[in-house]
Amino acid sequence: MNPGERLPEAYYSGINVFIVERAGDGTRLIFRQRLGWNPGFANTLMYRVFLEPISFVMARKMLQGIKRRAEAR
């Protein structure tokens, strides 16, 4: 898509950002997730019922795995 083009009626988009920064004697991992969708009734319902809970579970498991591997060192 080009900037300024109209988005499709049923689009979803997402981005994940990982930031690693020093925190005292160690490091801190900051994770941000942003999801977007075309705000129609069906899209909003699909997002709230399916995508949001699934994204939460996936991100939580991913971060727990990162933590487990980091602390094993």
PDB file of N, CA and C in Angstrom:
ATOM      1  N   MET A   1       0.836  -1.186   0.000  1.00  0.00           N
ATOM      2  CA  MET A   1       0.000   0.000   0.000  1.00  0.00           C
ATOM      3  C   MET A   1       0.876   1.244   0.000  1.00  0.00           C
ATOM      4  N   ASN A   2       0.359   2.267  -0.588  1.00  0.00           N
ATOM      5  CA  ASN A   2       1.049   3.543  -0.609  1.00  0.00           C
ATOM      6  C   ASN A   2       0.433   4.482   0.420  1.00  0.00           C
ATOM      7  N   PRO A   3       1.229   5.402   0.965  1.00  0.00           N
ATOM      8  CA  PRO A   3       0.662   6.377   1.921  1.00  0.00           C
ATOM      9  C   PRO A   3      -0.507   7.118   1.273  1.00  0.00           C
ATOM     10  N   GLY A   4      -1.543   7.317   2.041  1.00  0.00           N
ATOM     11  CA  GLY A   4      -2.711   8.020   1.545  1.00  0.00           C
ATOM     12  C   GLY A   4      -3.751   7.129   0.894  1.00  0.00           C
ATOM     13  N   GLU A   5      -3.378   5.874   0.566  1.00  0.00           N
ATOM     14  CA  GLU A   5      -4.352   4.954  -0.009  1.00  0.00           C
ATOM     15  C   GLU A   5      -5.353   4.535   1.047  1.00  0.00           C
ATOM     16  N   ARG A   6      -6.562   4.316   0.625  1.00  0.00           N
ATOM     17  CA  ARG A   6      -7.598   3.848   1.543  1.00  0.00           C
ATOM     18  C   ARG A   6      -7.296   2.409   1.952  1.00  0.00           C
ATOM     19  N   LEU A   7      -7.473   2.122   3.237  1.00  0.00           N
ATOM     20  CA  LEU A   7      -7.215   0.773   3.745  1.00  0.00           C
ATOM     21  C   LEU A   7      -8.338  -0.171   3.331  1.00  0.00           C
ATOM     22  N   PRO A   8      -8.031  -1.446   3.138  1.00  0.00           N
ATOM     23  CA  PRO A   8      -9.086  -2.413   2.831  1.00  0.00           C
ATOM     24  C   PRO A   8     -10.113  -2.467   3.964  1.00  0.00           C
ATOM     25  N   GLU A   9     -11.295  -2.900   3.647  1.00  0.00           N
ATOM     26  CA  GLU A   9     -12.369  -2.921   4.638  1.00  0.00           C
ATOM     27  C   GLU A   9     -12.058  -3.836   5.813  1.00  0.00           C
ATOM     28  N   ALA A  10     -11.370  -4.937   5.583  1.00  0.00           N
ATOM     29  CA  ALA A  10     -11.122  -5.914   6.647  1.00  0.00           C
ATOM     30  C   ALA A  10      -9.632  -6.066   6.914  1.00  0.00           C
ATOM     31  N   TYR A  11      -8.974  -4.992   7.291  1.00  0.00           N
ATOM     32  CA  TYR A  11      -7.541  -5.108   7.559  1.00  0.00           C
ATOM     33  C   TYR A  11      -7.261  -5.191   9.054  1.00  0.00           C
ATOM     34  N   TYR A  12      -6.182  -5.852   9.384  1.00  0.00           N
ATOM     35  CA  TYR A  12      -5.627  -5.859  10.729  1.00  0.00           C
ATOM     36  C   TYR A  12      -4.136  -5.630  10.573  1.00  0.00           C
ATOM     37  N   SER A  13      -3.544  -4.935  11.487  1.00  0.00           N
ATOM     38  CA  SER A  13      -2.095  -4.744  11.439  1.00  0.00           C
ATOM     39  C   SER A  13      -1.561  -4.789  12.863  1.00  0.00           C
ATOM     40  N   GLY A  14      -0.280  -5.076  12.978  1.00  0.00           N
ATOM     41  CA  GLY A  14       0.322  -5.136  14.300  1.00  0.00           C
ATOM     42  C   GLY A  14       1.815  -4.906  14.237  1.00  0.00           C
ATOM     43  N   ILE A  15       2.352  -4.456  15.351  1.00  0.00           N
ATOM     44  CA  ILE A  15       3.789  -4.242  15.457  1.00  0.00           C
ATOM     45  C   ILE A  15       4.217  -4.580  16.880  1.00  0.00           C
ATOM     46  N   ASN A  16       5.375  -5.202  16.995  1.00  0.00           N
ATOM     47  CA  ASN A  16       5.969  -5.508  18.298  1.00  0.00           C
ATOM     48  C   ASN A  16       7.281  -4.758  18.407  1.00  0.00           C
ATOM     49  N   VAL A  17       7.542  -4.197  19.581  1.00  0.00           N
ATOM     50  CA  VAL A  17       8.785  -3.469  19.823  1.00  0.00           C
ATOM     51  C   VAL A  17       9.439  -4.050  21.072  1.00  0.00           C
ATOM     52  N   PHE A  18      10.730  -4.356  20.966  1.00  0.00           N
ATOM     53  CA  PHE A  18      11.517  -4.841  22.092  1.00  0.00           C
ATOM     54  C   PHE A  18      12.588  -3.808  22.389  1.00  0.00           C
ATOM     55  N   ILE A  19      12.688  -3.396  23.640  1.00  0.00           N
ATOM     56  CA  ILE A  19      13.709  -2.441  24.059  1.00  0.00           C
ATOM     57  C   ILE A  19      14.468  -3.075  25.220  1.00  0.00           C
ATOM     58  N   VAL A  20      15.787  -3.116  25.115  1.00  0.00           N
ATOM     59  CA  VAL A  20      16.631  -3.621  26.196  1.00  0.00           C
ATOM     60  C   VAL A  20      17.407  -2.429  26.735  1.00  0.00           C
ATOM     61  N   GLU A  21      17.304  -2.193  28.048  1.00  0.00           N
ATOM     62  CA  GLU A  21      18.009  -1.063  28.653  1.00  0.00           C
ATOM     63  C   GLU A  21      18.628  -1.473  29.976  1.00  0.00           C
ATOM     64  N   ARG A  22      19.625  -0.743  30.368  1.00  0.00           N
ATOM     65  CA  ARG A  22      20.263  -0.996  31.655  1.00  0.00           C
ATOM     66  C   ARG A  22      19.311  -0.578  32.774  1.00  0.00           C
ATOM     67  N   ALA A  23      19.318  -1.375  33.852  1.00  0.00           N
ATOM     68  CA  ALA A  23      18.475  -1.080  35.016  1.00  0.00           C
ATOM     69  C   ALA A  23      19.255  -1.490  36.258  1.00  0.00           C
ATOM     70  N   GLY A  24      19.862  -0.532  36.899  1.00  0.00           N
ATOM     71  CA  GLY A  24      20.666  -0.849  38.075  1.00  0.00           C
ATOM     72  C   GLY A  24      21.843  -1.715  37.693  1.00  0.00           C
ATOM     73  N   ASP A  25      21.944  -2.901  38.323  1.00  0.00           N
ATOM     74  CA  ASP A  25      23.036  -3.828  38.044  1.00  0.00           C
ATOM     75  C   ASP A  25      22.724  -4.810  36.917  1.00  0.00           C
ATOM     76  N   GLY A  26      21.556  -4.719  36.356  1.00  0.00           N
ATOM     77  CA  GLY A  26      21.166  -5.682  35.323  1.00  0.00           C
ATOM     78  C   GLY A  26      20.601  -4.992  34.096  1.00  0.00           C
ATOM     79  N   THR A  27      19.708  -5.681  33.437  1.00  0.00           N
ATOM     80  CA  THR A  27      19.046  -5.148  32.251  1.00  0.00           C
ATOM     81  C   THR A  27      17.542  -5.310  32.391  1.00  0.00           C
ATOM     82  N   ARG A  28      16.836  -4.556  31.600  1.00  0.00           N
ATOM     83  CA  ARG A  28      15.375  -4.575  31.619  1.00  0.00           C
ATOM     84  C   ARG A  28      14.892  -4.734  30.185  1.00  0.00           C
ATOM     85  N   LEU A  29      13.938  -5.605  29.986  1.00  0.00           N
ATOM     86  CA  LEU A  29      13.331  -5.796  28.673  1.00  0.00           C
ATOM     87  C   LEU A  29      11.947  -5.164  28.698  1.00  0.00           C
ATOM     88  N   ILE A  30      11.720  -4.256  27.778  1.00  0.00           N
ATOM     89  CA  ILE A  30      10.411  -3.613  27.646  1.00  0.00           C
ATOM     90  C   ILE A  30       9.808  -4.101  26.340  1.00  0.00           C
ATOM     91  N   PHE A  31       8.590  -4.559  26.406  1.00  0.00           N
ATOM     92  CA  PHE A  31       7.891  -5.082  25.236  1.00  0.00           C
ATOM     93  C   PHE A  31       6.608  -4.288  25.047  1.00  0.00           C
ATOM     94  N   ARG A  32       6.406  -3.787  23.842  1.00  0.00           N
ATOM     95  CA  ARG A  32       5.180  -3.065  23.514  1.00  0.00           C
ATOM     96  C   ARG A  32       4.583  -3.696  22.262  1.00  0.00           C
ATOM     97  N   GLN A  33       3.284  -3.794  22.272  1.00  0.00           N
ATOM     98  CA  GLN A  33       2.579  -4.372  21.135  1.00  0.00           C
ATOM     99  C   GLN A  33       1.444  -3.434  20.773  1.00  0.00           C
ATOM    100  N   ARG A  34       1.330  -3.128  19.499  1.00  0.00           N
ATOM    101  CA  ARG A  34       0.227  -2.283  19.044  1.00  0.00           C
ATOM    102  C   ARG A  34      -0.470  -2.999  17.897  1.00  0.00           C
ATOM    103  N   LEU A  35      -1.767  -3.138  18.029  1.00  0.00           N
ATOM    104  CA  LEU A  35      -2.579  -3.779  16.997  1.00  0.00           C
ATOM    105  C   LEU A  35      -3.599  -2.765  16.495  1.00  0.00           C
ATOM    106  N   GLY A  36      -3.858  -2.799  15.222  1.00  0.00           N
ATOM    107  CA  GLY A  36      -4.838  -1.881  14.648  1.00  0.00           C
ATOM    108  C   GLY A  36      -5.770  -2.626  13.714  1.00  0.00           C
ATOM    109  N   TRP A  37      -6.915  -2.072  13.498  1.00  0.00           N
ATOM    110  CA  TRP A  37      -7.892  -2.684  12.609  1.00  0.00           C
ATOM    111  C   TRP A  37      -8.843  -1.611  12.121  1.00  0.00           C
ATOM    112  N   ASN A  38      -9.490  -1.876  11.017  1.00  0.00           N
ATOM    113  CA  ASN A  38     -10.486  -0.968  10.479  1.00  0.00           C
ATOM    114  C   ASN A  38     -11.713  -1.048  11.384  1.00  0.00           C
ATOM    115  N   PRO A  39     -12.128   0.055  11.996  1.00  0.00           N
ATOM    116  CA  PRO A  39     -13.148   0.000  13.052  1.00  0.00           C
ATOM    117  C   PRO A  39     -14.582  -0.184  12.561  1.00  0.00           C
ATOM    118  N   GLY A  40     -14.886  -1.352  12.071  1.00  0.00           N
ATOM    119  CA  GLY A  40     -16.268  -1.706  11.763  1.00  0.00           C
ATOM    120  C   GLY A  40     -16.763  -2.677  12.824  1.00  0.00           C
ATOM    121  N   PHE A  41     -18.032  -2.950  12.844  1.00  0.00           N
ATOM    122  CA  PHE A  41     -18.591  -3.840  13.870  1.00  0.00           C
ATOM    123  C   PHE A  41     -17.944  -5.219  13.836  1.00  0.00           C
ATOM    124  N   ALA A  42     -17.912  -5.841  12.648  1.00  0.00           N
ATOM    125  CA  ALA A  42     -17.368  -7.203  12.539  1.00  0.00           C
ATOM    126  C   ALA A  42     -15.881  -7.229  12.885  1.00  0.00           C
ATOM    127  N   ASN A  43     -15.119  -6.239  12.409  1.00  0.00           N
ATOM    128  CA  ASN A  43     -13.684  -6.188  12.708  1.00  0.00           C
ATOM    129  C   ASN A  43     -13.431  -5.999  14.196  1.00  0.00           C
ATOM    130  N   THR A  44     -14.171  -5.103  14.817  1.00  0.00           N
ATOM    131  CA  THR A  44     -14.005  -4.856  16.250  1.00  0.00           C
ATOM    132  C   THR A  44     -14.363  -6.102  17.048  1.00  0.00           C
ATOM    133  N   LEU A  45     -15.434  -6.757  16.682  1.00  0.00           N
ATOM    134  CA  LEU A  45     -15.841  -7.982  17.360  1.00  0.00           C
ATOM    135  C   LEU A  45     -14.761  -9.057  17.208  1.00  0.00           C
ATOM    136  N   MET A  46     -14.255  -9.238  15.992  1.00  0.00           N
ATOM    137  CA  MET A  46     -13.204 -10.224  15.741  1.00  0.00           C
ATOM    138  C   MET A  46     -11.954  -9.888  16.563  1.00  0.00           C
ATOM    139  N   TYR A  47     -11.600  -8.619  16.601  1.00  0.00           N
ATOM    140  CA  TYR A  47     -10.415  -8.198  17.352  1.00  0.00           C
ATOM    141  C   TYR A  47     -10.590  -8.477  18.843  1.00  0.00           C
ATOM    142  N   ARG A  48     -11.694  -8.017  19.402  1.00  0.00           N
ATOM    143  CA  ARG A  48     -11.916  -8.148  20.852  1.00  0.00           C
ATOM    144  C   ARG A  48     -12.089  -9.602  21.296  1.00  0.00           C
ATOM    145  N   VAL A  49     -12.755 -10.396  20.494  1.00  0.00           N
ATOM    146  CA  VAL A  49     -13.047 -11.778  20.890  1.00  0.00           C
ATOM    147  C   VAL A  49     -11.878 -12.718  20.615  1.00  0.00           C
ATOM    148  N   PHE A  50     -11.190 -12.528  19.493  1.00  0.00           N
ATOM    149  CA  PHE A  50     -10.153 -13.482  19.104  1.00  0.00           C
ATOM    150  C   PHE A  50      -8.731 -12.912  19.164  1.00  0.00           C
ATOM    151  N   LEU A  51      -8.484 -11.842  18.438  1.00  0.00           N
ATOM    152  CA  LEU A  51      -7.109 -11.370  18.284  1.00  0.00           C
ATOM    153  C   LEU A  51      -6.494 -10.846  19.576  1.00  0.00           C
ATOM    154  N   GLU A  52      -7.213 -10.062  20.335  1.00  0.00           N
ATOM    155  CA  GLU A  52      -6.649  -9.495  21.566  1.00  0.00           C
ATOM    156  C   GLU A  52      -6.278 -10.578  22.578  1.00  0.00           C
ATOM    157  N   PRO A  53      -7.172 -11.520  22.905  1.00  0.00           N
ATOM    158  CA  PRO A  53      -6.786 -12.569  23.861  1.00  0.00           C
ATOM    159  C   PRO A  53      -5.663 -13.470  23.342  1.00  0.00           C
ATOM    160  N   ILE A  54      -5.687 -13.816  22.064  1.00  0.00           N
ATOM    161  CA  ILE A  54      -4.638 -14.663  21.508  1.00  0.00           C
ATOM    162  C   ILE A  54      -3.300 -13.935  21.541  1.00  0.00           C
ATOM    163  N   SER A  55      -3.291 -12.660  21.199  1.00  0.00           N
ATOM    164  CA  SER A  55      -2.052 -11.866  21.232  1.00  0.00           C
ATOM    165  C   SER A  55      -1.502 -11.778  22.645  1.00  0.00           C
ATOM    166  N   PHE A  56      -2.375 -11.617  23.627  1.00  0.00           N
ATOM    167  CA  PHE A  56      -1.936 -11.546  25.019  1.00  0.00           C
ATOM    168  C   PHE A  56      -1.267 -12.850  25.439  1.00  0.00           C
ATOM    169  N   VAL A  57      -1.895 -13.977  25.140  1.00  0.00           N
ATOM    170  CA  VAL A  57      -1.348 -15.284  25.524  1.00  0.00           C
ATOM    171  C   VAL A  57      -0.012 -15.527  24.822  1.00  0.00           C
ATOM    172  N   MET A  58       0.067 -15.227  23.526  1.00  0.00           N
ATOM    173  CA  MET A  58       1.310 -15.438  22.790  1.00  0.00           C
ATOM    174  C   MET A  58       2.439 -14.571  23.347  1.00  0.00           C
ATOM    175  N   ALA A  59       2.160 -13.302  23.613  1.00  0.00           N
ATOM    176  CA  ALA A  59       3.196 -12.398  24.131  1.00  0.00           C
ATOM    177  C   ALA A  59       3.652 -12.845  25.513  1.00  0.00           C
ATOM    178  N   ARG A  60       2.726 -13.251  26.356  1.00  0.00           N
ATOM    179  CA  ARG A  60       3.083 -13.700  27.705  1.00  0.00           C
ATOM    180  C   ARG A  60       3.988 -14.930  27.659  1.00  0.00           C
ATOM    181  N   LYS A  61       3.622 -15.912  26.842  1.00  0.00           N
ATOM    182  CA  LYS A  61       4.447 -17.121  26.742  1.00  0.00           C
ATOM    183  C   LYS A  61       5.823 -16.804  26.161  1.00  0.00           C
ATOM    184  N   MET A  62       5.875 -15.917  25.185  1.00  0.00           N
ATOM    185  CA  MET A  62       7.147 -15.530  24.591  1.00  0.00           C
ATOM    186  C   MET A  62       8.042 -14.863  25.644  1.00  0.00           C
ATOM    187  N   LEU A  63       7.487 -13.941  26.417  1.00  0.00           N
ATOM    188  CA  LEU A  63       8.272 -13.239  27.436  1.00  0.00           C
ATOM    189  C   LEU A  63       8.703 -14.176  28.562  1.00  0.00           C
ATOM    190  N   GLN A  64       7.857 -15.136  28.927  1.00  0.00           N
ATOM    191  CA  GLN A  64       8.251 -16.121  29.938  1.00  0.00           C
ATOM    192  C   GLN A  64       9.411 -16.977  29.435  1.00  0.00           C
ATOM    193  N   GLY A  65       9.403 -17.326  28.158  1.00  0.00           N
ATOM    194  CA  GLY A  65      10.497 -18.097  27.575  1.00  0.00           C
ATOM    195  C   GLY A  65      11.796 -17.302  27.548  1.00  0.00           C
ATOM    196  N   ILE A  66      11.706 -16.026  27.201  1.00  0.00           N
ATOM    197  CA  ILE A  66      12.889 -15.157  27.212  1.00  0.00           C
ATOM    198  C   ILE A  66      13.441 -15.052  28.624  1.00  0.00           C
ATOM    199  N   LYS A  67      12.562 -14.862  29.593  1.00  0.00           N
ATOM    200  CA  LYS A  67      12.989 -14.744  30.994  1.00  0.00           C
ATOM    201  C   LYS A  67      13.677 -16.031  31.456  1.00  0.00           C
ATOM    202  N   ARG A  68      13.069 -17.162  31.142  1.00  0.00           N
ATOM    203  CA  ARG A  68      13.623 -18.451  31.561  1.00  0.00           C
ATOM    204  C   ARG A  68      15.035 -18.650  30.987  1.00  0.00           C
ATOM    205  N   ARG A  69      15.193 -18.339  29.707  1.00  0.00           N
ATOM    206  CA  ARG A  69      16.511 -18.506  29.085  1.00  0.00           C
ATOM    207  C   ARG A  69      17.526 -17.501  29.625  1.00  0.00           C
ATOM    208  N   ALA A  70      17.100 -16.279  29.876  1.00  0.00           N
ATOM    209  CA  ALA A  70      18.021 -15.260  30.401  1.00  0.00           C
ATOM    210  C   ALA A  70      18.490 -15.605  31.808  1.00  0.00           C
ATOM    211  N   GLU A  71      17.588 -16.122  32.641  1.00  0.00           N
ATOM    212  CA  GLU A  71      17.939 -16.435  34.023  1.00  0.00           C
ATOM    213  C   GLU A  71      18.719 -17.735  34.125  1.00  0.00           C
ATOM    214  N   ALA A  72      18.711 -18.581  33.105  1.00  0.00           N
ATOM    215  CA  ALA A  72      19.447 -19.839  33.125  1.00  0.00           C
ATOM    216  C   ALA A  72      20.950 -19.615  32.928  1.00  0.00           C
ATOM    217  N   ARG A  73      21.322 -18.455  32.456  1.00  0.00           N
ATOM    218  CA  ARG A  73      22.749 -18.163  32.195  1.00  0.00           C
ATOM    219  C   ARG A  73      23.466 -17.945  33.458  1.00  0.00           C
TER     220      ARG A  73
END
